[in-house]
Amino acid sequence: MSLTYPHRRYEEPVIPAFWYVTLANLTSGRLGRRAADSRAVGVLAENHAVVLMGLYLVVVVLVLQRFWDYWVSLV
């Protein structure tokens, strides 16, 4: 869903929405009781902010890697 303002457009943050909806589905058992009871899901739920920062870091690294040659040529 996007809201349009006269001077700018606001987009919903996709990465955190995807991460927290997936995590909620895993922990509640909607994706299977076995997944909800797994140790890995428990660790992900305890460290949810670290995983979210890791996802953002991956995006930043991919953008840097893609445009590195251009940015270096500006110097």
PDB file of N, CA and C in Angstrom:
ATOM      1  N   MET A   1       0.847  -1.172   0.000  1.00  0.00           N
ATOM      2  CA  MET A   1       0.000   0.000   0.000  1.00  0.00           C
ATOM      3  C   MET A   1       0.890   1.231   0.000  1.00  0.00           C
ATOM      4  N   SER A   2       0.581   2.166  -0.836  1.00  0.00           N
ATOM      5  CA  SER A   2       1.357   3.399  -0.851  1.00  0.00           C
ATOM      6  C   SER A   2       0.410   4.580  -0.669  1.00  0.00           C
ATOM      7  N   LEU A   3       0.891   5.537   0.075  1.00  0.00           N
ATOM      8  CA  LEU A   3       0.141   6.761   0.310  1.00  0.00           C
ATOM      9  C   LEU A   3       0.770   7.858  -0.523  1.00  0.00           C
ATOM     10  N   THR A   4      -0.042   8.605  -1.211  1.00  0.00           N
ATOM     11  CA  THR A   4       0.467   9.672  -2.052  1.00  0.00           C
ATOM     12  C   THR A   4       0.193  11.017  -1.381  1.00  0.00           C
ATOM     13  N   TYR A   5       1.246  11.760  -1.157  1.00  0.00           N
ATOM     14  CA  TYR A   5       1.139  13.104  -0.607  1.00  0.00           C
ATOM     15  C   TYR A   5       1.410  14.086  -1.735  1.00  0.00           C
ATOM     16  N   PRO A   6       1.010  15.326  -1.577  1.00  0.00           N
ATOM     17  CA  PRO A   6       1.220  16.285  -2.670  1.00  0.00           C
ATOM     18  C   PRO A   6       2.685  16.438  -3.073  1.00  0.00           C
ATOM     19  N   HIS A   7       3.608  16.318  -2.149  1.00  0.00           N
ATOM     20  CA  HIS A   7       4.998  16.585  -2.468  1.00  0.00           C
ATOM     21  C   HIS A   7       5.887  15.352  -2.459  1.00  0.00           C
ATOM     22  N   ARG A   8       5.411  14.207  -1.988  1.00  0.00           N
ATOM     23  CA  ARG A   8       6.242  13.008  -1.976  1.00  0.00           C
ATOM     24  C   ARG A   8       5.375  11.766  -1.913  1.00  0.00           C
ATOM     25  N   ARG A   9       6.012  10.646  -2.155  1.00  0.00           N
ATOM     26  CA  ARG A   9       5.303   9.372  -2.127  1.00  0.00           C
ATOM     27  C   ARG A   9       5.954   8.490  -1.075  1.00  0.00           C
ATOM     28  N   TYR A  10       5.146   7.868  -0.240  1.00  0.00           N
ATOM     29  CA  TYR A  10       5.644   7.024   0.843  1.00  0.00           C
ATOM     30  C   TYR A  10       5.352   5.569   0.523  1.00  0.00           C
ATOM     31  N   GLU A  11       6.367   4.748   0.551  1.00  0.00           N
ATOM     32  CA  GLU A  11       6.212   3.313   0.327  1.00  0.00           C
ATOM     33  C   GLU A  11       6.392   2.580   1.650  1.00  0.00           C
ATOM     34  N   GLU A  12       5.622   1.527   1.835  1.00  0.00           N
ATOM     35  CA  GLU A  12       5.771   0.698   3.024  1.00  0.00           C
ATOM     36  C   GLU A  12       7.135   0.037   3.013  1.00  0.00           C
ATOM     37  N   PRO A  13       7.781  -0.088   4.155  1.00  0.00           N
ATOM     38  CA  PRO A  13       9.072  -0.778   4.206  1.00  0.00           C
ATOM     39  C   PRO A  13       8.890  -2.279   3.980  1.00  0.00           C
ATOM     40  N   VAL A  14       9.367  -2.764   2.859  1.00  0.00           N
ATOM     41  CA  VAL A  14       9.113  -4.141   2.446  1.00  0.00           C
ATOM     42  C   VAL A  14       9.939  -5.146   3.240  1.00  0.00           C
ATOM     43  N   ILE A  15      11.205  -4.849   3.458  1.00  0.00           N
ATOM     44  CA  ILE A  15      12.078  -5.826   4.117  1.00  0.00           C
ATOM     45  C   ILE A  15      11.606  -6.127   5.540  1.00  0.00           C
ATOM     46  N   PRO A  16      11.363  -5.120   6.403  1.00  0.00           N
ATOM     47  CA  PRO A  16      10.899  -5.465   7.743  1.00  0.00           C
ATOM     48  C   PRO A  16       9.512  -6.111   7.750  1.00  0.00           C
ATOM     49  N   ALA A  17       8.645  -5.684   6.853  1.00  0.00           N
ATOM     50  CA  ALA A  17       7.316  -6.297   6.807  1.00  0.00           C
ATOM     51  C   ALA A  17       7.421  -7.771   6.443  1.00  0.00           C
ATOM     52  N   PHE A  18       8.224  -8.090   5.441  1.00  0.00           N
ATOM     53  CA  PHE A  18       8.419  -9.483   5.054  1.00  0.00           C
ATOM     54  C   PHE A  18       9.029 -10.287   6.203  1.00  0.00           C
ATOM     55  N   TRP A  19      10.057  -9.738   6.840  1.00  0.00           N
ATOM     56  CA  TRP A  19      10.753 -10.464   7.895  1.00  0.00           C
ATOM     57  C   TRP A  19       9.837 -10.739   9.085  1.00  0.00           C
ATOM     58  N   TYR A  20       9.118  -9.730   9.563  1.00  0.00           N
ATOM     59  CA  TYR A  20       8.307  -9.922  10.761  1.00  0.00           C
ATOM     60  C   TYR A  20       7.049 -10.750  10.494  1.00  0.00           C
ATOM     61  N   VAL A  21       6.483 -10.668   9.299  1.00  0.00           N
ATOM     62  CA  VAL A  21       5.342 -11.541   8.973  1.00  0.00           C
ATOM     63  C   VAL A  21       5.804 -12.988   8.872  1.00  0.00           C
ATOM     64  N   THR A  22       6.943 -13.220   8.243  1.00  0.00           N
ATOM     65  CA  THR A  22       7.478 -14.580   8.153  1.00  0.00           C
ATOM     66  C   THR A  22       7.807 -15.123   9.531  1.00  0.00           C
ATOM     67  N   LEU A  23       8.426 -14.314  10.374  1.00  0.00           N
ATOM     68  CA  LEU A  23       8.773 -14.743  11.721  1.00  0.00           C
ATOM     69  C   LEU A  23       7.519 -15.034  12.554  1.00  0.00           C
ATOM     70  N   ALA A  24       6.493 -14.210  12.409  1.00  0.00           N
ATOM     71  CA  ALA A  24       5.241 -14.461  13.128  1.00  0.00           C
ATOM     72  C   ALA A  24       4.590 -15.757  12.661  1.00  0.00           C
ATOM     73  N   ASN A  25       4.630 -16.017  11.363  1.00  0.00           N
ATOM     74  CA  ASN A  25       4.070 -17.267  10.846  1.00  0.00           C
ATOM     75  C   ASN A  25       4.850 -18.476  11.337  1.00  0.00           C
ATOM     76  N   LEU A  26       6.163 -18.348  11.417  1.00  0.00           N
ATOM     77  CA  LEU A  26       6.983 -19.463  11.898  1.00  0.00           C
ATOM     78  C   LEU A  26       6.735 -19.746  13.376  1.00  0.00           C
ATOM     79  N   THR A  27       6.730 -18.714  14.195  1.00  0.00           N
ATOM     80  CA  THR A  27       6.595 -18.918  15.635  1.00  0.00           C
ATOM     81  C   THR A  27       5.188 -19.325  16.051  1.00  0.00           C
ATOM     82  N   SER A  28       4.178 -18.937  15.284  1.00  0.00           N
ATOM     83  CA  SER A  28       2.804 -19.280  15.661  1.00  0.00           C
ATOM     84  C   SER A  28       2.396 -20.680  15.222  1.00  0.00           C
ATOM     85  N   GLY A  29       3.154 -21.274  14.340  1.00  0.00           N
ATOM     86  CA  GLY A  29       2.820 -22.612  13.878  1.00  0.00           C
ATOM     87  C   GLY A  29       2.005 -22.643  12.604  1.00  0.00           C
ATOM     88  N   ARG A  30       1.787 -21.503  11.972  1.00  0.00           N
ATOM     89  CA  ARG A  30       1.038 -21.484  10.718  1.00  0.00           C
ATOM     90  C   ARG A  30       1.773 -22.182   9.590  1.00  0.00           C
ATOM     91  N   LEU A  31       3.092 -22.300   9.722  1.00  0.00           N
ATOM     92  CA  LEU A  31       3.882 -23.000   8.713  1.00  0.00           C
ATOM     93  C   LEU A  31       4.282 -24.392   9.202  1.00  0.00           C
ATOM     94  N   GLY A  32       3.585 -24.871  10.193  1.00  0.00           N
ATOM     95  CA  GLY A  32       3.837 -26.208  10.713  1.00  0.00           C
ATOM     96  C   GLY A  32       4.298 -26.171  12.167  1.00  0.00           C
ATOM     97  N   ARG A  33       3.815 -27.096  12.937  1.00  0.00           N
ATOM     98  CA  ARG A  33       4.187 -27.181  14.346  1.00  0.00           C
ATOM     99  C   ARG A  33       5.665 -27.512  14.491  1.00  0.00           C
ATOM    100  N   ARG A  34       6.178 -28.309  13.568  1.00  0.00           N
ATOM    101  CA  ARG A  34       7.583 -28.687  13.628  1.00  0.00           C
ATOM    102  C   ARG A  34       8.489 -27.465  13.485  1.00  0.00           C
ATOM    103  N   ALA A  35       8.122 -26.556  12.594  1.00  0.00           N
ATOM    104  CA  ALA A  35       8.896 -25.329  12.416  1.00  0.00           C
ATOM    105  C   ALA A  35       8.794 -24.444  13.652  1.00  0.00           C
ATOM    106  N   ALA A  36       7.607 -24.365  14.232  1.00  0.00           N
ATOM    107  CA  ALA A  36       7.411 -23.516  15.408  1.00  0.00           C
ATOM    108  C   ALA A  36       8.207 -24.013  16.606  1.00  0.00           C
ATOM    109  N   ASP A  37       8.381 -25.318  16.708  1.00  0.00           N
ATOM    110  CA  ASP A  37       9.096 -25.897  17.844  1.00  0.00           C
ATOM    111  C   ASP A  37      10.597 -26.021  17.617  1.00  0.00           C
ATOM    112  N   SER A  38      11.070 -25.663  16.438  1.00  0.00           N
ATOM    113  CA  SER A  38      12.493 -25.858  16.139  1.00  0.00           C
ATOM    114  C   SER A  38      13.357 -24.847  16.889  1.00  0.00           C
ATOM    115  N   ARG A  39      14.551 -25.271  17.165  1.00  0.00           N
ATOM    116  CA  ARG A  39      15.496 -24.428  17.881  1.00  0.00           C
ATOM    117  C   ARG A  39      15.923 -23.235  17.024  1.00  0.00           C
ATOM    118  N   ALA A  40      16.056 -23.450  15.720  1.00  0.00           N
ATOM    119  CA  ALA A  40      16.477 -22.380  14.814  1.00  0.00           C
ATOM    120  C   ALA A  40      15.479 -21.225  14.816  1.00  0.00           C
ATOM    121  N   VAL A  41      14.196 -21.527  14.822  1.00  0.00           N
ATOM    122  CA  VAL A  41      13.177 -20.471  14.845  1.00  0.00           C
ATOM    123  C   VAL A  41      13.239 -19.721  16.163  1.00  0.00           C
ATOM    124  N   GLY A  42      13.499 -20.432  17.251  1.00  0.00           N
ATOM    125  CA  GLY A  42      13.651 -19.771  18.541  1.00  0.00           C
ATOM    126  C   GLY A  42      14.825 -18.802  18.561  1.00  0.00           C
ATOM    127  N   VAL A  43      15.940 -19.217  17.970  1.00  0.00           N
ATOM    128  CA  VAL A  43      17.116 -18.341  17.896  1.00  0.00           C
ATOM    129  C   VAL A  43      16.820 -17.131  17.015  1.00  0.00           C
ATOM    130  N   LEU A  44      16.148 -17.340  15.888  1.00  0.00           N
ATOM    131  CA  LEU A  44      15.784 -16.222  15.014  1.00  0.00           C
ATOM    132  C   LEU A  44      14.844 -15.248  15.714  1.00  0.00           C
ATOM    133  N   ALA A  45      13.899 -15.773  16.487  1.00  0.00           N
ATOM    134  CA  ALA A  45      12.952 -14.912  17.199  1.00  0.00           C
ATOM    135  C   ALA A  45      13.652 -14.092  18.283  1.00  0.00           C
ATOM    136  N   GLU A  46      14.632 -14.692  18.944  1.00  0.00           N
ATOM    137  CA  GLU A  46      15.365 -13.969  19.987  1.00  0.00           C
ATOM    138  C   GLU A  46      16.262 -12.888  19.393  1.00  0.00           C
ATOM    139  N   ASN A  47      16.774 -13.119  18.205  1.00  0.00           N
ATOM    140  CA  ASN A  47      17.717 -12.195  17.566  1.00  0.00           C
ATOM    141  C   ASN A  47      17.108 -11.539  16.332  1.00  0.00           C
ATOM    142  N   HIS A  48      15.843 -11.205  16.396  1.00  0.00           N
ATOM    143  CA  HIS A  48      15.134 -10.689  15.220  1.00  0.00           C
ATOM    144  C   HIS A  48      15.728  -9.397  14.695  1.00  0.00           C
ATOM    145  N   ALA A  49      16.175  -8.512  15.564  1.00  0.00           N
ATOM    146  CA  ALA A  49      16.732  -7.234  15.104  1.00  0.00           C
ATOM    147  C   ALA A  49      18.085  -7.429  14.412  1.00  0.00           C
ATOM    148  N   VAL A  50      18.871  -8.375  14.901  1.00  0.00           N
ATOM    149  CA  VAL A  50      20.175  -8.652  14.287  1.00  0.00           C
ATOM    150  C   VAL A  50      19.977  -9.180  12.868  1.00  0.00           C
ATOM    151  N   VAL A  51      19.009 -10.061  12.700  1.00  0.00           N
ATOM    152  CA  VAL A  51      18.725 -10.611  11.375  1.00  0.00           C
ATOM    153  C   VAL A  51      18.233  -9.505  10.440  1.00  0.00           C
ATOM    154  N   LEU A  52      17.392  -8.623  10.931  1.00  0.00           N
ATOM    155  CA  LEU A  52      16.891  -7.513  10.116  1.00  0.00           C
ATOM    156  C   LEU A  52      18.036  -6.598   9.678  1.00  0.00           C
ATOM    157  N   MET A  53      18.948  -6.286  10.584  1.00  0.00           N
ATOM    158  CA  MET A  53      20.108  -5.471  10.214  1.00  0.00           C
ATOM    159  C   MET A  53      20.988  -6.209   9.210  1.00  0.00           C
ATOM    160  N   GLY A  54      21.094  -7.507   9.336  1.00  0.00           N
ATOM    161  CA  GLY A  54      21.849  -8.306   8.372  1.00  0.00           C
ATOM    162  C   GLY A  54      21.236  -8.242   6.987  1.00  0.00           C
ATOM    163  N   LEU A  55      19.908  -8.274   6.912  1.00  0.00           N
ATOM    164  CA  LEU A  55      19.231  -8.164   5.620  1.00  0.00           C
ATOM    165  C   LEU A  55      19.502  -6.805   4.974  1.00  0.00           C
ATOM    166  N   TYR A  56      19.426  -5.747   5.763  1.00  0.00           N
ATOM    167  CA  TYR A  56      19.736  -4.421   5.232  1.00  0.00           C
ATOM    168  C   TYR A  56      21.195  -4.328   4.813  1.00  0.00           C
ATOM    169  N   LEU A  57      22.088  -4.927   5.571  1.00  0.00           N
ATOM    170  CA  LEU A  57      23.508  -4.912   5.225  1.00  0.00           C
ATOM    171  C   LEU A  57      23.756  -5.615   3.894  1.00  0.00           C
ATOM    172  N   VAL A  58      23.063  -6.714   3.652  1.00  0.00           N
ATOM    173  CA  VAL A  58      23.191  -7.422   2.376  1.00  0.00           C
ATOM    174  C   VAL A  58      22.760  -6.520   1.224  1.00  0.00           C
ATOM    175  N   VAL A  59      21.672  -5.796   1.388  1.00  0.00           N
ATOM    176  CA  VAL A  59      21.199  -4.892   0.335  1.00  0.00           C
ATOM    177  C   VAL A  59      22.224  -3.788   0.075  1.00  0.00           C
ATOM    178  N   VAL A  60      22.770  -3.213   1.136  1.00  0.00           N
ATOM    179  CA  VAL A  60      23.759  -2.142   0.978  1.00  0.00           C
ATOM    180  C   VAL A  60      25.009  -2.664   0.278  1.00  0.00           C
ATOM    181  N   VAL A  61      25.466  -3.838   0.661  1.00  0.00           N
ATOM    182  CA  VAL A  61      26.655  -4.415   0.045  1.00  0.00           C
ATOM    183  C   VAL A  61      26.403  -4.705  -1.436  1.00  0.00           C
ATOM    184  N   LEU A  62      25.232  -5.211  -1.765  1.00  0.00           N
ATOM    185  CA  LEU A  62      24.917  -5.478  -3.172  1.00  0.00           C
ATOM    186  C   LEU A  62      24.874  -4.197  -4.000  1.00  0.00           C
ATOM    187  N   VAL A  63      24.328  -3.128  -3.443  1.00  0.00           N
ATOM    188  CA  VAL A  63      24.297  -1.847  -4.165  1.00  0.00           C
ATOM    189  C   VAL A  63      25.714  -1.312  -4.332  1.00  0.00           C
ATOM    190  N   LEU A  64      26.521  -1.382  -3.266  1.00  0.00           N
ATOM    191  CA  LEU A  64      27.911  -0.929  -3.371  1.00  0.00           C
ATOM    192  C   LEU A  64      28.676  -1.720  -4.425  1.00  0.00           C
ATOM    193  N   GLN A  65      28.492  -3.022  -4.419  1.00  0.00           N
ATOM    194  CA  GLN A  65      29.196  -3.878  -5.368  1.00  0.00           C
ATOM    195  C   GLN A  65      28.774  -3.578  -6.801  1.00  0.00           C
ATOM    196  N   ARG A  66      27.501  -3.348  -7.008  1.00  0.00           N
ATOM    197  CA  ARG A  66      26.990  -3.108  -8.358  1.00  0.00           C
ATOM    198  C   ARG A  66      27.493  -1.791  -8.934  1.00  0.00           C
ATOM    199  N   PHE A  67      27.546  -0.741  -8.127  1.00  0.00           N
ATOM    200  CA  PHE A  67      27.887   0.583  -8.625  1.00  0.00           C
ATOM    201  C   PHE A  67      29.296   1.028  -8.256  1.00  0.00           C
ATOM    202  N   TRP A  68      30.122   0.136  -7.763  1.00  0.00           N
ATOM    203  CA  TRP A  68      31.468   0.509  -7.323  1.00  0.00           C
ATOM    204  C   TRP A  68      32.308   1.123  -8.450  1.00  0.00           C
ATOM    205  N   ASP A  69      32.279   0.519  -9.610  1.00  0.00           N
ATOM    206  CA  ASP A  69      33.078   1.041 -10.731  1.00  0.00           C
ATOM    207  C   ASP A  69      32.671   2.473 -11.086  1.00  0.00           C
ATOM    208  N   TYR A  70      31.408   2.763 -11.034  1.00  0.00           N
ATOM    209  CA  TYR A  70      30.941   4.126 -11.333  1.00  0.00           C
ATOM    210  C   TYR A  70      31.411   5.107 -10.279  1.00  0.00           C
ATOM    211  N   TRP A  71      31.250   4.760  -8.992  1.00  0.00           N
ATOM    212  CA  TRP A  71      31.627   5.680  -7.918  1.00  0.00           C
ATOM    213  C   TRP A  71      33.135   5.918  -7.895  1.00  0.00           C
ATOM    214  N   VAL A  72      33.916   4.914  -8.200  1.00  0.00           N
ATOM    215  CA  VAL A  72      35.372   5.078  -8.238  1.00  0.00           C
ATOM    216  C   VAL A  72      35.763   5.993  -9.394  1.00  0.00           C
ATOM    217  N   SER A  73      35.029   5.944 -10.491  1.00  0.00           N
ATOM    218  CA  SER A  73      35.375   6.776 -11.659  1.00  0.00           C
ATOM    219  C   SER A  73      35.081   8.261 -11.409  1.00  0.00           C
ATOM    220  N   LEU A  74      34.304   8.584 -10.400  1.00  0.00           N
ATOM    221  CA  LEU A  74      33.982   9.983 -10.110  1.00  0.00           C
ATOM    222  C   LEU A  74      35.123  10.722  -9.418  1.00  0.00           C
ATOM    223  N   VAL A  75      36.045   9.984  -8.851  1.00  0.00           N
ATOM    224  CA  VAL A  75      37.144  10.611  -8.100  1.00  0.00           C
ATOM    225  C   VAL A  75      38.209  11.113  -9.006  1.00  0.00           C
TER     226      VAL A  75
END
